[in-house]
Amino acid sequence: MMTRKKIYLGDGLYAHFDGFQFWLTAPREGGDHEVALDSQTLEAFLKFVEKSWGVKITVEKVKPEPEDAV
């Protein structure tokens, strides 16, 4: 699933998916700050969240939603 539309996550942070990387964007007066997470980096981040919160995160493939639902 490719999401080009930026979605607001909260706390001034937006996200979108370009088909390869997950992009996090924080708009600023001098220009946006952006970070791209490829699959390995995203997995490392999720493992960090698991350790930090003491939780187990699982990922399950689901049927894609229509593009306008994202």
Protein backbone atom coordinates (compact mmCIF):
# COMPACT_ATOMS: atom_id res chain seq x y z
CA MET A 1 0.00 0.00 0.00
CA MET A 2 1.38 3.38 -0.96
CA THR A 3 0.25 6.47 0.95
CA ARG A 4 1.37 9.73 -0.60
CA LYS A 5 -1.00 11.88 1.40
CA LYS A 6 0.57 13.10 4.64
CA ILE A 7 -1.41 12.11 7.70
CA TYR A 8 -1.22 14.08 10.94
CA LEU A 9 -0.01 11.89 13.81
CA GLY A 10 -0.13 14.52 16.53
CA ASP A 11 2.35 16.81 18.29
CA GLY A 12 3.24 18.54 15.00
CA LEU A 13 4.28 15.31 13.26
CA TYR A 14 3.05 14.05 9.86
CA ALA A 15 3.66 10.71 8.12
CA HIS A 16 3.42 9.25 4.63
CA PHE A 17 4.63 6.13 2.82
CA ASP A 18 6.28 6.30 -0.62
CA GLY A 19 6.15 2.56 -1.32
CA PHE A 20 9.60 1.95 0.13
CA GLN A 21 10.14 4.18 3.17
CA PHE A 22 7.97 5.64 5.90
CA TRP A 23 8.52 9.40 6.05
CA LEU A 24 8.06 11.46 9.21
CA THR A 25 7.82 15.22 8.68
CA ALA A 26 7.87 18.03 11.23
CA PRO A 27 7.09 21.37 9.55
CA ARG A 28 9.26 24.26 10.74
CA GLU A 29 9.55 27.93 9.75
CA GLY A 30 12.97 27.40 8.14
CA GLY A 31 11.86 24.23 6.30
CA ASP A 32 10.52 20.81 7.12
CA HIS A 33 12.56 18.35 9.16
CA GLU A 34 12.22 14.89 7.59
CA VAL A 35 13.26 11.38 8.51
CA ALA A 36 12.85 8.32 6.27
CA LEU A 37 12.56 4.84 7.81
CA ASP A 38 13.24 1.85 5.56
CA SER A 39 12.00 -1.58 6.64
CA GLN A 40 15.13 -2.42 8.69
CA THR A 41 15.14 0.95 10.46
CA LEU A 42 11.41 0.73 11.16
CA GLU A 43 11.90 -2.75 12.64
CA ALA A 44 14.73 -1.46 14.85
CA PHE A 45 12.53 1.42 16.02
CA LEU A 46 9.65 -0.93 16.87
CA LYS A 47 12.04 -3.14 18.87
CA PHE A 48 13.19 -0.01 20.72
CA VAL A 49 9.54 0.83 21.54
CA GLU A 50 8.98 -2.75 22.75
CA LYS A 51 11.94 -2.57 25.13
CA SER A 52 11.12 0.94 26.31
CA TRP A 53 7.46 0.23 27.07
CA GLY A 54 7.75 -3.46 27.98
CA VAL A 55 5.27 -4.47 25.29
CA LYS A 56 5.17 -6.85 22.32
CA ILE A 57 4.34 -5.33 18.93
CA THR A 58 3.06 -7.68 16.23
CA VAL A 59 2.44 -6.97 12.55
CA GLU A 60 -0.23 -8.72 10.52
CA LYS A 61 -0.97 -8.33 6.80
CA VAL A 62 -4.50 -7.10 6.13
CA LYS A 63 -6.54 -6.30 3.07
CA PRO A 64 -5.56 -2.83 1.81
CA GLU A 65 -8.05 -0.04 2.36
CA PRO A 66 -9.20 2.13 -0.55
CA GLU A 67 -6.74 4.98 -1.22
CA ASP A 68 -9.19 7.67 -0.12
CA ALA A 69 -9.70 6.01 3.29
CA VAL A 70 -6.11 6.76 4.36
